[in-house]
Amino acid sequence: MFFDQVLQRSTSSFVSCSIAVHNMQRNLYVLPRGRRVDSHGNESVEEVDMMAVYEEFDKVCVAHKLGEVQTKPVTRKYAFELPGIPASAEYLKVAYSYSSKTTREFGPNGGKVICI
C-alpha cells in the first residue's frame, strides 16, 4: 500500500491518498551455467538445458515454500559489471506471488545455475 498527498485542483490544497496494488508478482531471472558443475566445483562435459535449470529451481521453490510459480525461458540483456555474466543470454524467468511469506534471498546452490 502506498501513501502520498495529491493536489486537489478545486481547492488548490493537498489531500492524503492511498493506493493498494493487488496481484503483484515478483520476478526472478535465473541464468543457467554453460556446463554442469559437481559438488567439488569441477566442470563436467554435460551441457545444461532449461529443463535442468527448472528442475533445480523447483527444489528451491519447495524449500522456500513459494507455492505456485510461473516460469518461461526469456532472452535478456545484462548491463552491469558482474564478471562472468554475458551481455545477452537466455534466462529462466520465474514469477511468483508478492504475498508469498518468504523473506530469504535466493542464491545458486546447485551445479546448473550461475546467478539468480
PDB file of N, CA and C in Angstrom:
ATOM      1  N   MET A   1       0.844  -1.161   0.000  1.00  0.00           N
ATOM      2  CA  MET A   1       0.000   0.000   0.000  1.00  0.00           C
ATOM      3  C   MET A   1       0.902   1.240   0.000  1.00  0.00           C
ATOM      4  N   PHE A   2       0.539   2.199  -0.803  1.00  0.00           N
ATOM      5  CA  PHE A   2       1.305   3.433  -0.927  1.00  0.00           C
ATOM      6  C   PHE A   2       0.490   4.594  -0.360  1.00  0.00           C
ATOM      7  N   PHE A   3       1.157   5.507   0.328  1.00  0.00           N
ATOM      8  CA  PHE A   3       0.517   6.692   0.886  1.00  0.00           C
ATOM      9  C   PHE A   3       1.227   7.922   0.338  1.00  0.00           C
ATOM     10  N   ASP A   4       0.465   8.937   0.007  1.00  0.00           N
ATOM     11  CA  ASP A   4       1.050  10.165  -0.517  1.00  0.00           C
ATOM     12  C   ASP A   4       0.012  11.272  -0.412  1.00  0.00           C
ATOM     13  N   GLN A   5       0.377  12.428  -0.914  1.00  0.00           N
ATOM     14  CA  GLN A   5      -0.556  13.539  -0.990  1.00  0.00           C
ATOM     15  C   GLN A   5      -0.660  13.971  -2.447  1.00  0.00           C
ATOM     16  N   VAL A   6      -1.876  14.353  -2.829  1.00  0.00           N
ATOM     17  CA  VAL A   6      -2.119  14.813  -4.195  1.00  0.00           C
ATOM     18  C   VAL A   6      -2.784  16.178  -4.144  1.00  0.00           C
ATOM     19  N   LEU A   7      -2.608  16.909  -5.210  1.00  0.00           N
ATOM     20  CA  LEU A   7      -3.194  18.248  -5.291  1.00  0.00           C
ATOM     21  C   LEU A   7      -4.666  18.150  -5.684  1.00  0.00           C
ATOM     22  N   GLN A   8      -5.534  18.735  -4.866  1.00  0.00           N
ATOM     23  CA  GLN A   8      -6.948  18.831  -5.194  1.00  0.00           C
ATOM     24  C   GLN A   8      -7.130  20.162  -5.907  1.00  0.00           C
ATOM     25  N   ARG A   9      -7.386  20.109  -7.210  1.00  0.00           N
ATOM     26  CA  ARG A   9      -7.383  21.315  -8.037  1.00  0.00           C
ATOM     27  C   ARG A   9      -8.501  22.288  -7.684  1.00  0.00           C
ATOM     28  N   SER A  10      -9.615  21.791  -7.239  1.00  0.00           N
ATOM     29  CA  SER A  10     -10.732  22.694  -6.936  1.00  0.00           C
ATOM     30  C   SER A  10     -10.434  23.605  -5.749  1.00  0.00           C
ATOM     31  N   THR A  11      -9.644  23.134  -4.787  1.00  0.00           N
ATOM     32  CA  THR A  11      -9.320  23.940  -3.607  1.00  0.00           C
ATOM     33  C   THR A  11      -7.857  24.365  -3.568  1.00  0.00           C
ATOM     34  N   SER A  12      -7.077  23.922  -4.513  1.00  0.00           N
ATOM     35  CA  SER A  12      -5.629  24.196  -4.573  1.00  0.00           C
ATOM     36  C   SER A  12      -4.924  23.803  -3.272  1.00  0.00           C
ATOM     37  N   SER A  13      -5.352  22.707  -2.691  1.00  0.00           N
ATOM     38  CA  SER A  13      -4.701  22.206  -1.477  1.00  0.00           C
ATOM     39  C   SER A  13      -4.377  20.728  -1.660  1.00  0.00           C
ATOM     40  N   PHE A  14      -3.465  20.258  -0.838  1.00  0.00           N
ATOM     41  CA  PHE A  14      -3.073  18.857  -0.901  1.00  0.00           C
ATOM     42  C   PHE A  14      -3.928  18.032   0.060  1.00  0.00           C
ATOM     43  N   VAL A  15      -4.343  16.846  -0.401  1.00  0.00           N
ATOM     44  CA  VAL A  15      -5.102  15.913   0.423  1.00  0.00           C
ATOM     45  C   VAL A  15      -4.387  14.564   0.414  1.00  0.00           C
ATOM     46  N   SER A  16      -4.553  13.813   1.486  1.00  0.00           N
ATOM     47  CA  SER A  16      -3.919  12.495   1.588  1.00  0.00           C
ATOM     48  C   SER A  16      -4.656  11.482   0.730  1.00  0.00           C
ATOM     49  N   CYS A  17      -3.894  10.529   0.207  1.00  0.00           N
ATOM     50  CA  CYS A  17      -4.496   9.446  -0.563  1.00  0.00           C
ATOM     51  C   CYS A  17      -3.702   8.164  -0.314  1.00  0.00           C
ATOM     52  N   SER A  18      -4.309   7.045  -0.602  1.00  0.00           N
ATOM     53  CA  SER A  18      -3.630   5.755  -0.507  1.00  0.00           C
ATOM     54  C   SER A  18      -4.001   4.914  -1.719  1.00  0.00           C
ATOM     55  N   ILE A  19      -3.070   4.069  -2.122  1.00  0.00           N
ATOM     56  CA  ILE A  19      -3.255   3.207  -3.284  1.00  0.00           C
ATOM     57  C   ILE A  19      -2.892   1.787  -2.862  1.00  0.00           C
ATOM     58  N   ALA A  20      -3.748   0.838  -3.161  1.00  0.00           N
ATOM     59  CA  ALA A  20      -3.473  -0.574  -2.907  1.00  0.00           C
ATOM     60  C   ALA A  20      -3.299  -1.275  -4.257  1.00  0.00           C
ATOM     61  N   VAL A  21      -2.226  -2.021  -4.412  1.00  0.00           N
ATOM     62  CA  VAL A  21      -1.957  -2.765  -5.641  1.00  0.00           C
ATOM     63  C   VAL A  21      -2.126  -4.247  -5.317  1.00  0.00           C
ATOM     64  N   HIS A  22      -3.033  -4.917  -6.019  1.00  0.00           N
ATOM     65  CA  HIS A  22      -3.306  -6.327  -5.777  1.00  0.00           C
ATOM     66  C   HIS A  22      -2.724  -7.175  -6.902  1.00  0.00           C
ATOM     67  N   ASN A  23      -2.484  -8.436  -6.618  1.00  0.00           N
ATOM     68  CA  ASN A  23      -1.997  -9.422  -7.588  1.00  0.00           C
ATOM     69  C   ASN A  23      -0.640  -9.038  -8.182  1.00  0.00           C
ATOM     70  N   MET A  24       0.194  -8.416  -7.402  1.00  0.00           N
ATOM     71  CA  MET A  24       1.537  -8.055  -7.849  1.00  0.00           C
ATOM     72  C   MET A  24       2.435  -9.296  -7.776  1.00  0.00           C
ATOM     73  N   GLN A  25       3.374  -9.415  -8.704  1.00  0.00           N
ATOM     74  CA  GLN A  25       4.262 -10.570  -8.722  1.00  0.00           C
ATOM     75  C   GLN A  25       5.714 -10.139  -8.637  1.00  0.00           C
ATOM     76  N   ARG A  26       6.512 -10.984  -8.010  1.00  0.00           N
ATOM     77  CA  ARG A  26       7.967 -10.815  -8.024  1.00  0.00           C
ATOM     78  C   ARG A  26       8.498 -11.594  -9.212  1.00  0.00           C
ATOM     79  N   ASN A  27       9.530 -11.058  -9.853  1.00  0.00           N
ATOM     80  CA  ASN A  27      10.154 -11.734 -10.982  1.00  0.00           C
ATOM     81  C   ASN A  27      11.625 -11.974 -10.674  1.00  0.00           C
ATOM     82  N   LEU A  28      12.057 -13.200 -10.897  1.00  0.00           N
ATOM     83  CA  LEU A  28      13.463 -13.567 -10.782  1.00  0.00           C
ATOM     84  C   LEU A  28      13.929 -14.044 -12.146  1.00  0.00           C
ATOM     85  N   TYR A  29      15.187 -13.808 -12.441  1.00  0.00           N
ATOM     86  CA  TYR A  29      15.770 -14.298 -13.679  1.00  0.00           C
ATOM     87  C   TYR A  29      16.933 -15.203 -13.319  1.00  0.00           C
ATOM     88  N   VAL A  30      16.834 -16.471 -13.721  1.00  0.00           N
ATOM     89  CA  VAL A  30      17.818 -17.486 -13.368  1.00  0.00           C
ATOM     90  C   VAL A  30      18.703 -17.731 -14.580  1.00  0.00           C
ATOM     91  N   LEU A  31      20.009 -17.484 -14.419  1.00  0.00           N
ATOM     92  CA  LEU A  31      20.973 -17.667 -15.506  1.00  0.00           C
ATOM     93  C   LEU A  31      21.603 -19.046 -15.407  1.00  0.00           C
ATOM     94  N   PRO A  32      21.394 -19.905 -16.426  1.00  0.00           N
ATOM     95  CA  PRO A  32      21.999 -21.235 -16.370  1.00  0.00           C
ATOM     96  C   PRO A  32      23.494 -21.206 -16.696  1.00  0.00           C
ATOM     97  N   ARG A  33      24.202 -22.173 -16.147  1.00  0.00           N
ATOM     98  CA  ARG A  33      25.611 -22.357 -16.499  1.00  0.00           C
ATOM     99  C   ARG A  33      25.691 -22.965 -17.889  1.00  0.00           C
ATOM    100  N   GLY A  34      26.843 -22.835 -18.508  1.00  0.00           N
ATOM    101  CA  GLY A  34      27.055 -23.495 -19.796  1.00  0.00           C
ATOM    102  C   GLY A  34      27.210 -24.997 -19.626  1.00  0.00           C
ATOM    103  N   ARG A  35      27.947 -25.390 -18.579  1.00  0.00           N
ATOM    104  CA  ARG A  35      28.170 -26.803 -18.281  1.00  0.00           C
ATOM    105  C   ARG A  35      27.920 -27.055 -16.799  1.00  0.00           C
ATOM    106  N   ARG A  36      27.504 -28.257 -16.491  1.00  0.00           N
ATOM    107  CA  ARG A  36      27.199 -28.639 -15.112  1.00  0.00           C
ATOM    108  C   ARG A  36      28.467 -28.664 -14.259  1.00  0.00           C
ATOM    109  N   VAL A  37      28.337 -28.269 -12.987  1.00  0.00           N
ATOM    110  CA  VAL A  37      29.445 -28.277 -12.036  1.00  0.00           C
ATOM    111  C   VAL A  37      29.084 -29.243 -10.915  1.00  0.00           C
ATOM    112  N   ASP A  38      30.031 -30.121 -10.527  1.00  0.00           N
ATOM    113  CA  ASP A  38      29.742 -31.067  -9.456  1.00  0.00           C
ATOM    114  C   ASP A  38      29.927 -30.415  -8.092  1.00  0.00           C
ATOM    115  N   SER A  39      29.735 -31.182  -7.020  1.00  0.00           N
ATOM    116  CA  SER A  39      29.794 -30.634  -5.665  1.00  0.00           C
ATOM    117  C   SER A  39      31.187 -30.169  -5.267  1.00  0.00           C
ATOM    118  N   HIS A  40      32.216 -30.594  -6.000  1.00  0.00           N
ATOM    119  CA  HIS A  40      33.593 -30.172  -5.719  1.00  0.00           C
ATOM    120  C   HIS A  40      34.010 -28.958  -6.538  1.00  0.00           C
ATOM    121  N   GLY A  41      33.104 -28.456  -7.391  1.00  0.00           N
ATOM    122  CA  GLY A  41      33.399 -27.288  -8.206  1.00  0.00           C
ATOM    123  C   GLY A  41      34.046 -27.617  -9.535  1.00  0.00           C
ATOM    124  N   ASN A  42      34.101 -28.908  -9.901  1.00  0.00           N
ATOM    125  CA  ASN A  42      34.695 -29.329 -11.171  1.00  0.00           C
ATOM    126  C   ASN A  42      33.639 -29.303 -12.269  1.00  0.00           C
ATOM    127  N   GLU A  43      33.990 -28.683 -13.391  1.00  0.00           N
ATOM    128  CA  GLU A  43      33.068 -28.580 -14.515  1.00  0.00           C
ATOM    129  C   GLU A  43      33.074 -29.883 -15.295  1.00  0.00           C
ATOM    130  N   SER A  44      31.882 -30.376 -15.653  1.00  0.00           N
ATOM    131  CA  SER A  44      31.776 -31.608 -16.432  1.00  0.00           C
ATOM    132  C   SER A  44      31.549 -31.267 -17.898  1.00  0.00           C
ATOM    133  N   VAL A  45      31.381 -32.293 -18.726  1.00  0.00           N
ATOM    134  CA  VAL A  45      31.127 -32.075 -20.148  1.00  0.00           C
ATOM    135  C   VAL A  45      29.633 -31.983 -20.441  1.00  0.00           C
ATOM    136  N   GLU A  46      28.794 -32.254 -19.443  1.00  0.00           N
ATOM    137  CA  GLU A  46      27.349 -32.219 -19.620  1.00  0.00           C
ATOM    138  C   GLU A  46      26.857 -30.785 -19.725  1.00  0.00           C
ATOM    139  N   GLU A  47      26.201 -30.457 -20.847  1.00  0.00           N
ATOM    140  CA  GLU A  47      25.643 -29.123 -21.018  1.00  0.00           C
ATOM    141  C   GLU A  47      24.332 -29.001 -20.242  1.00  0.00           C
ATOM    142  N   VAL A  48      24.029 -27.797 -19.804  1.00  0.00           N
ATOM    143  CA  VAL A  48      22.829 -27.541 -19.012  1.00  0.00           C
ATOM    144  C   VAL A  48      21.740 -26.991 -19.924  1.00  0.00           C
ATOM    145  N   ASP A  49      20.554 -27.621 -19.896  1.00  0.00           N
ATOM    146  CA  ASP A  49      19.421 -27.103 -20.655  1.00  0.00           C
ATOM    147  C   ASP A  49      18.417 -26.472 -19.698  1.00  0.00           C
ATOM    148  N   MET A  50      17.412 -25.797 -20.241  1.00  0.00           N
ATOM    149  CA  MET A  50      16.436 -25.081 -19.413  1.00  0.00           C
ATOM    150  C   MET A  50      15.642 -26.030 -18.515  1.00  0.00           C
ATOM    151  N   MET A  51      15.381 -27.237 -18.978  1.00  0.00           N
ATOM    152  CA  MET A  51      14.623 -28.176 -18.154  1.00  0.00           C
ATOM    153  C   MET A  51      15.407 -28.536 -16.890  1.00  0.00           C
ATOM    154  N   ALA A  52      16.716 -28.695 -17.005  1.00  0.00           N
ATOM    155  CA  ALA A  52      17.544 -28.991 -15.837  1.00  0.00           C
ATOM    156  C   ALA A  52      17.550 -27.815 -14.866  1.00  0.00           C
ATOM    157  N   VAL A  53      17.579 -26.588 -15.390  1.00  0.00           N
ATOM    158  CA  VAL A  53      17.531 -25.397 -14.541  1.00  0.00           C
ATOM    159  C   VAL A  53      16.188 -25.319 -13.837  1.00  0.00           C
ATOM    160  N   TYR A  54      15.107 -25.608 -14.569  1.00  0.00           N
ATOM    161  CA  TYR A  54      13.773 -25.598 -13.963  1.00  0.00           C
ATOM    162  C   TYR A  54      13.689 -26.613 -12.826  1.00  0.00           C
ATOM    163  N   GLU A  55      14.194 -27.822 -13.050  1.00  0.00           N
ATOM    164  CA  GLU A  55      14.144 -28.863 -12.022  1.00  0.00           C
ATOM    165  C   GLU A  55      14.934 -28.450 -10.781  1.00  0.00           C
ATOM    166  N   GLU A  56      16.098 -27.830 -10.989  1.00  0.00           N
ATOM    167  CA  GLU A  56      16.900 -27.388  -9.853  1.00  0.00           C
ATOM    168  C   GLU A  56      16.207 -26.252  -9.101  1.00  0.00           C
ATOM    169  N   PHE A  57      15.629 -25.305  -9.829  1.00  0.00           N
ATOM    170  CA  PHE A  57      14.960 -24.195  -9.164  1.00  0.00           C
ATOM    171  C   PHE A  57      13.666 -24.648  -8.496  1.00  0.00           C
ATOM    172  N   ASP A  58      13.037 -25.694  -9.006  1.00  0.00           N
ATOM    173  CA  ASP A  58      11.831 -26.224  -8.371  1.00  0.00           C
ATOM    174  C   ASP A  58      12.136 -26.702  -6.950  1.00  0.00           C
ATOM    175  N   LYS A  59      13.326 -27.256  -6.752  1.00  0.00           N
ATOM    176  CA  LYS A  59      13.741 -27.668  -5.400  1.00  0.00           C
ATOM    177  C   LYS A  59      13.870 -26.450  -4.483  1.00  0.00           C
ATOM    178  N   VAL A  60      14.354 -25.329  -5.015  1.00  0.00           N
ATOM    179  CA  VAL A  60      14.460 -24.091  -4.242  1.00  0.00           C
ATOM    180  C   VAL A  60      13.065 -23.594  -3.872  1.00  0.00           C
ATOM    181  N   CYS A  61      12.134 -23.680  -4.813  1.00  0.00           N
ATOM    182  CA  CYS A  61      10.754 -23.242  -4.548  1.00  0.00           C
ATOM    183  C   CYS A  61      10.120 -24.059  -3.431  1.00  0.00           C
ATOM    184  N   VAL A  62      10.350 -25.353  -3.439  1.00  0.00           N
ATOM    185  CA  VAL A  62       9.800 -26.208  -2.387  1.00  0.00           C
ATOM    186  C   VAL A  62      10.452 -25.872  -1.052  1.00  0.00           C
ATOM    187  N   ALA A  63      11.772 -25.675  -1.038  1.00  0.00           N
ATOM    188  CA  ALA A  63      12.485 -25.368   0.208  1.00  0.00           C
ATOM    189  C   ALA A  63      12.039 -24.031   0.800  1.00  0.00           C
ATOM    190  N   HIS A  64      11.726 -23.050  -0.042  1.00  0.00           N
ATOM    191  CA  HIS A  64      11.314 -21.724   0.428  1.00  0.00           C
ATOM    192  C   HIS A  64       9.799 -21.570   0.506  1.00  0.00           C
ATOM    193  N   LYS A  65       9.070 -22.637   0.189  1.00  0.00           N
ATOM    194  CA  LYS A  65       7.603 -22.655   0.267  1.00  0.00           C
ATOM    195  C   LYS A  65       6.971 -21.526  -0.549  1.00  0.00           C
ATOM    196  N   LEU A  66       7.396 -21.429  -1.808  1.00  0.00           N
ATOM    197  CA  LEU A  66       6.867 -20.367  -2.672  1.00  0.00           C
ATOM    198  C   LEU A  66       5.472 -20.656  -3.187  1.00  0.00           C
ATOM    199  N   GLY A  67       5.073 -21.893  -3.212  1.00  0.00           N
ATOM    200  CA  GLY A  67       3.754 -22.212  -3.744  1.00  0.00           C
ATOM    201  C   GLY A  67       3.774 -22.200  -5.258  1.00  0.00           C
ATOM    202  N   GLU A  68       2.767 -21.580  -5.846  1.00  0.00           N
ATOM    203  CA  GLU A  68       2.644 -21.570  -7.302  1.00  0.00           C
ATOM    204  C   GLU A  68       3.607 -20.570  -7.926  1.00  0.00           C
ATOM    205  N   VAL A  69       4.375 -21.041  -8.895  1.00  0.00           N
ATOM    206  CA  VAL A  69       5.275 -20.174  -9.654  1.00  0.00           C
ATOM    207  C   VAL A  69       4.987 -20.350 -11.139  1.00  0.00           C
ATOM    208  N   GLN A  70       5.281 -19.315 -11.899  1.00  0.00           N
ATOM    209  CA  GLN A  70       5.151 -19.371 -13.348  1.00  0.00           C
ATOM    210  C   GLN A  70       6.544 -19.194 -13.929  1.00  0.00           C
ATOM    211  N   THR A  71       6.921 -20.049 -14.860  1.00  0.00           N
ATOM    212  CA  THR A  71       8.262 -19.983 -15.441  1.00  0.00           C
ATOM    213  C   THR A  71       8.178 -19.998 -16.960  1.00  0.00           C
ATOM    214  N   LYS A  72       9.174 -19.379 -17.572  1.00  0.00           N
ATOM    215  CA  LYS A  72       9.325 -19.456 -19.022  1.00  0.00           C
ATOM    216  C   LYS A  72      10.726 -18.984 -19.381  1.00  0.00           C
ATOM    217  N   PRO A  73      11.307 -19.538 -20.447  1.00  0.00           N
ATOM    218  CA  PRO A  73      12.625 -19.058 -20.895  1.00  0.00           C
ATOM    219  C   PRO A  73      12.479 -17.733 -21.631  1.00  0.00           C
ATOM    220  N   VAL A  74      13.370 -16.790 -21.337  1.00  0.00           N
ATOM    221  CA  VAL A  74      13.368 -15.478 -21.989  1.00  0.00           C
ATOM    222  C   VAL A  74      14.809 -15.079 -22.298  1.00  0.00           C
ATOM    223  N   THR A  75      14.977 -14.221 -23.272  1.00  0.00           N
ATOM    224  CA  THR A  75      16.296 -13.670 -23.589  1.00  0.00           C
ATOM    225  C   THR A  75      16.372 -12.266 -23.003  1.00  0.00           C
ATOM    226  N   ARG A  76      17.431 -12.002 -22.254  1.00  0.00           N
ATOM    227  CA  ARG A  76      17.610 -10.705 -21.603  1.00  0.00           C
ATOM    228  C   ARG A  76      19.021 -10.190 -21.849  1.00  0.00           C
ATOM    229  N   LYS A  77      19.132  -8.875 -21.836  1.00  0.00           N
ATOM    230  CA  LYS A  77      20.447  -8.232 -21.915  1.00  0.00           C
ATOM    231  C   LYS A  77      20.864  -7.816 -20.519  1.00  0.00           C
ATOM    232  N   TYR A  78      22.154  -7.844 -20.255  1.00  0.00           N
ATOM    233  CA  TYR A  78      22.684  -7.539 -18.933  1.00  0.00           C
ATOM    234  C   TYR A  78      23.659  -6.380 -19.064  1.00  0.00           C
ATOM    235  N   ALA A  79      23.527  -5.348 -18.225  1.00  0.00           N
ATOM    236  CA  ALA A  79      24.339  -4.140 -18.385  1.00  0.00           C
ATOM    237  C   ALA A  79      25.115  -3.770 -17.132  1.00  0.00           C
ATOM    238  N   PHE A  80      25.373  -4.710 -16.242  1.00  0.00           N
ATOM    239  CA  PHE A  80      26.094  -4.384 -15.016  1.00  0.00           C
ATOM    240  C   PHE A  80      27.496  -4.964 -15.066  1.00  0.00           C
ATOM    241  N   GLU A  81      28.248  -4.790 -13.990  1.00  0.00           N
ATOM    242  CA  GLU A  81      29.663  -5.113 -14.025  1.00  0.00           C
ATOM    243  C   GLU A  81      30.047  -6.457 -13.419  1.00  0.00           C
ATOM    244  N   LEU A  82      29.106  -7.328 -13.113  1.00  0.00           N
ATOM    245  CA  LEU A  82      29.486  -8.604 -12.517  1.00  0.00           C
ATOM    246  C   LEU A  82      30.256  -9.444 -13.526  1.00  0.00           C
ATOM    247  N   PRO A  83      31.409  -9.981 -13.125  1.00  0.00           N
ATOM    248  CA  PRO A  83      32.193 -10.790 -14.058  1.00  0.00           C
ATOM    249  C   PRO A  83      31.518 -12.138 -14.314  1.00  0.00           C
ATOM    250  N   GLY A  84      31.688 -12.647 -15.521  1.00  0.00           N
ATOM    251  CA  GLY A  84      31.149 -13.951 -15.860  1.00  0.00           C
ATOM    252  C   GLY A  84      29.710 -13.951 -16.329  1.00  0.00           C
ATOM    253  N   ILE A  85      29.077 -12.784 -16.384  1.00  0.00           N
ATOM    254  CA  ILE A  85      27.694 -12.686 -16.841  1.00  0.00           C
ATOM    255  C   ILE A  85      27.714 -12.171 -18.279  1.00  0.00           C
ATOM    256  N   PRO A  86      27.158 -12.929 -19.221  1.00  0.00           N
ATOM    257  CA  PRO A  86      27.184 -12.486 -20.619  1.00  0.00           C
ATOM    258  C   PRO A  86      26.290 -11.265 -20.850  1.00  0.00           C
ATOM    259  N   ALA A  87      26.630 -10.498 -21.891  1.00  0.00           N
ATOM    260  CA  ALA A  87      25.857  -9.293 -22.203  1.00  0.00           C
ATOM    261  C   ALA A  87      24.432  -9.630 -22.614  1.00  0.00           C
ATOM    262  N   SER A  88      24.218 -10.757 -23.251  1.00  0.00           N
ATOM    263  CA  SER A  88      22.893 -11.209 -23.644  1.00  0.00           C
ATOM    264  C   SER A  88      22.851 -12.725 -23.487  1.00  0.00           C
ATOM    265  N   ALA A  89      21.793 -13.239 -22.877  1.00  0.00           N
ATOM    266  CA  ALA A  89      21.704 -14.682 -22.635  1.00  0.00           C
ATOM    267  C   ALA A  89      20.263 -15.097 -22.440  1.00  0.00           C
ATOM    268  N   GLU A  90      20.032 -16.401 -22.480  1.00  0.00           N
ATOM    269  CA  GLU A  90      18.709 -16.942 -22.205  1.00  0.00           C
ATOM    270  C   GLU A  90      18.613 -17.251 -20.717  1.00  0.00           C
ATOM    271  N   TYR A  91      17.596 -16.695 -20.066  1.00  0.00           N
ATOM    272  CA  TYR A  91      17.345 -16.876 -18.644  1.00  0.00           C
ATOM    273  C   TYR A  91      16.050 -17.651 -18.458  1.00  0.00           C
ATOM    274  N   LEU A  92      15.868 -18.218 -17.279  1.00  0.00           N
ATOM    275  CA  LEU A  92      14.587 -18.771 -16.884  1.00  0.00           C
ATOM    276  C   LEU A  92      13.901 -17.708 -16.036  1.00  0.00           C
ATOM    277  N   LYS A  93      12.809 -17.148 -16.549  1.00  0.00           N
ATOM    278  CA  LYS A  93      12.055 -16.142 -15.800  1.00  0.00           C
ATOM    279  C   LYS A  93      11.113 -16.867 -14.853  1.00  0.00           C
ATOM    280  N   VAL A  94      11.152 -16.486 -13.575  1.00  0.00           N
ATOM    281  CA  VAL A  94      10.298 -17.091 -12.557  1.00  0.00           C
ATOM    282  C   VAL A  94       9.453 -15.984 -11.942  1.00  0.00           C
ATOM    283  N   ALA A  95       8.139 -16.129 -12.018  1.00  0.00           N
ATOM    284  CA  ALA A  95       7.220 -15.162 -11.415  1.00  0.00           C
ATOM    285  C   ALA A  95       6.449 -15.867 -10.310  1.00  0.00           C
ATOM    286  N   TYR A  96       6.386 -15.219  -9.145  1.00  0.00           N
ATOM    287  CA  TYR A  96       5.630 -15.780  -8.037  1.00  0.00           C
ATOM    288  C   TYR A  96       4.956 -14.655  -7.273  1.00  0.00           C
ATOM    289  N   SER A  97       3.999 -15.016  -6.459  1.00  0.00           N
ATOM    290  CA  SER A  97       3.164 -14.039  -5.771  1.00  0.00           C
ATOM    291  C   SER A  97       3.969 -13.168  -4.814  1.00  0.00           C
ATOM    292  N   TYR A  98       3.691 -11.888  -4.839  1.00  0.00           N
ATOM    293  CA  TYR A  98       4.346 -10.963  -3.929  1.00  0.00           C
ATOM    294  C   TYR A  98       3.920 -11.222  -2.491  1.00  0.00           C
ATOM    295  N   SER A  99       2.752 -11.820  -2.310  1.00  0.00           N
ATOM    296  CA  SER A  99       2.256 -12.089  -0.963  1.00  0.00           C
ATOM    297  C   SER A  99       2.867 -13.347  -0.355  1.00  0.00           C
ATOM    298  N   SER A 100       3.748 -14.009  -1.083  1.00  0.00           N
ATOM    299  CA  SER A 100       4.438 -15.177  -0.537  1.00  0.00           C
ATOM    300  C   SER A 100       5.194 -14.773   0.716  1.00  0.00           C
ATOM    301  N   LYS A 101       5.197 -15.621   1.710  1.00  0.00           N
ATOM    302  CA  LYS A 101       5.759 -15.273   3.020  1.00  0.00           C
ATOM    303  C   LYS A 101       7.279 -15.396   3.093  1.00  0.00           C
ATOM    304  N   THR A 102       7.944 -15.693   2.010  1.00  0.00           N
ATOM    305  CA  THR A 102       9.397 -15.848   2.055  1.00  0.00           C
ATOM    306  C   THR A 102      10.093 -14.500   2.158  1.00  0.00           C
ATOM    307  N   THR A 103      11.102 -14.423   2.998  1.00  0.00           N
ATOM    308  CA  THR A 103      11.902 -13.204   3.128  1.00  0.00           C
ATOM    309  C   THR A 103      13.368 -13.509   2.877  1.00  0.00           C
ATOM    310  N   ARG A 104      13.656 -14.718   2.482  1.00  0.00           N
ATOM    311  CA  ARG A 104      15.041 -15.132   2.251  1.00  0.00           C
ATOM    312  C   ARG A 104      15.499 -14.723   0.867  1.00  0.00           C
ATOM    313  N   GLU A 105      16.793 -14.540   0.750  1.00  0.00           N
ATOM    314  CA  GLU A 105      17.362 -14.278  -0.561  1.00  0.00           C
ATOM    315  C   GLU A 105      17.693 -15.603  -1.222  1.00  0.00           C
ATOM    316  N   PHE A 106      17.576 -15.638  -2.527  1.00  0.00           N
ATOM    317  CA  PHE A 106      17.899 -16.835  -3.276  1.00  0.00           C
ATOM    318  C   PHE A 106      19.322 -16.732  -3.772  1.00  0.00           C
ATOM    319  N   GLY A 107      19.954 -17.849  -3.935  1.00  0.00           N
ATOM    320  CA  GLY A 107      21.293 -17.881  -4.488  1.00  0.00           C
ATOM    321  C   GLY A 107      21.515 -19.202  -5.171  1.00  0.00           C
ATOM    322  N   PRO A 108      22.502 -19.274  -6.059  1.00  0.00           N
ATOM    323  CA  PRO A 108      22.763 -20.535  -6.737  1.00  0.00           C
ATOM    324  C   PRO A 108      23.260 -21.567  -5.727  1.00  0.00           C
ATOM    325  N   ASN A 109      22.594 -22.706  -5.662  1.00  0.00           N
ATOM    326  CA  ASN A 109      23.010 -23.723  -4.719  1.00  0.00           C
ATOM    327  C   ASN A 109      23.268 -25.057  -5.379  1.00  0.00           C
ATOM    328  N   GLY A 110      23.169 -25.114  -6.676  1.00  0.00           N
ATOM    329  CA  GLY A 110      23.396 -26.357  -7.393  1.00  0.00           C
ATOM    330  C   GLY A 110      24.424 -26.161  -8.473  1.00  0.00           C
ATOM    331  N   GLY A 111      24.558 -27.146  -9.324  1.00  0.00           N
ATOM    332  CA  GLY A 111      25.574 -27.091 -10.351  1.00  0.00           C
ATOM    333  C   GLY A 111      25.091 -26.597 -11.694  1.00  0.00           C
ATOM    334  N   LYS A 112      23.871 -26.098 -11.762  1.00  0.00           N
ATOM    335  CA  LYS A 112      23.320 -25.705 -13.059  1.00  0.00           C
ATOM    336  C   LYS A 112      23.040 -24.220 -13.198  1.00  0.00           C
ATOM    337  N   VAL A 113      23.175 -23.455 -12.112  1.00  0.00           N
ATOM    338  CA  VAL A 113      22.804 -22.037 -12.117  1.00  0.00           C
ATOM    339  C   VAL A 113      24.011 -21.182 -11.770  1.00  0.00           C
ATOM    340  N   ILE A 114      24.248 -20.105 -12.551  1.00  0.00           N
ATOM    341  CA  ILE A 114      25.326 -19.163 -12.249  1.00  0.00           C
ATOM    342  C   ILE A 114      24.847 -18.142 -11.229  1.00  0.00           C
ATOM    343  N   CYS A 115      23.730 -17.494 -11.522  1.00  0.00           N
ATOM    344  CA  CYS A 115      23.223 -16.483 -10.592  1.00  0.00           C
ATOM    345  C   CYS A 115      21.722 -16.345 -10.743  1.00  0.00           C
ATOM    346  N   ILE A 116      21.116 -15.795  -9.691  1.00  0.00           N
ATOM    347  CA  ILE A 116      19.691 -15.517  -9.686  1.00  0.00           C
ATOM    348  C   ILE A 116      19.525 -14.020  -9.426  1.00  0.00           C
TER     349      ILE A 116
END
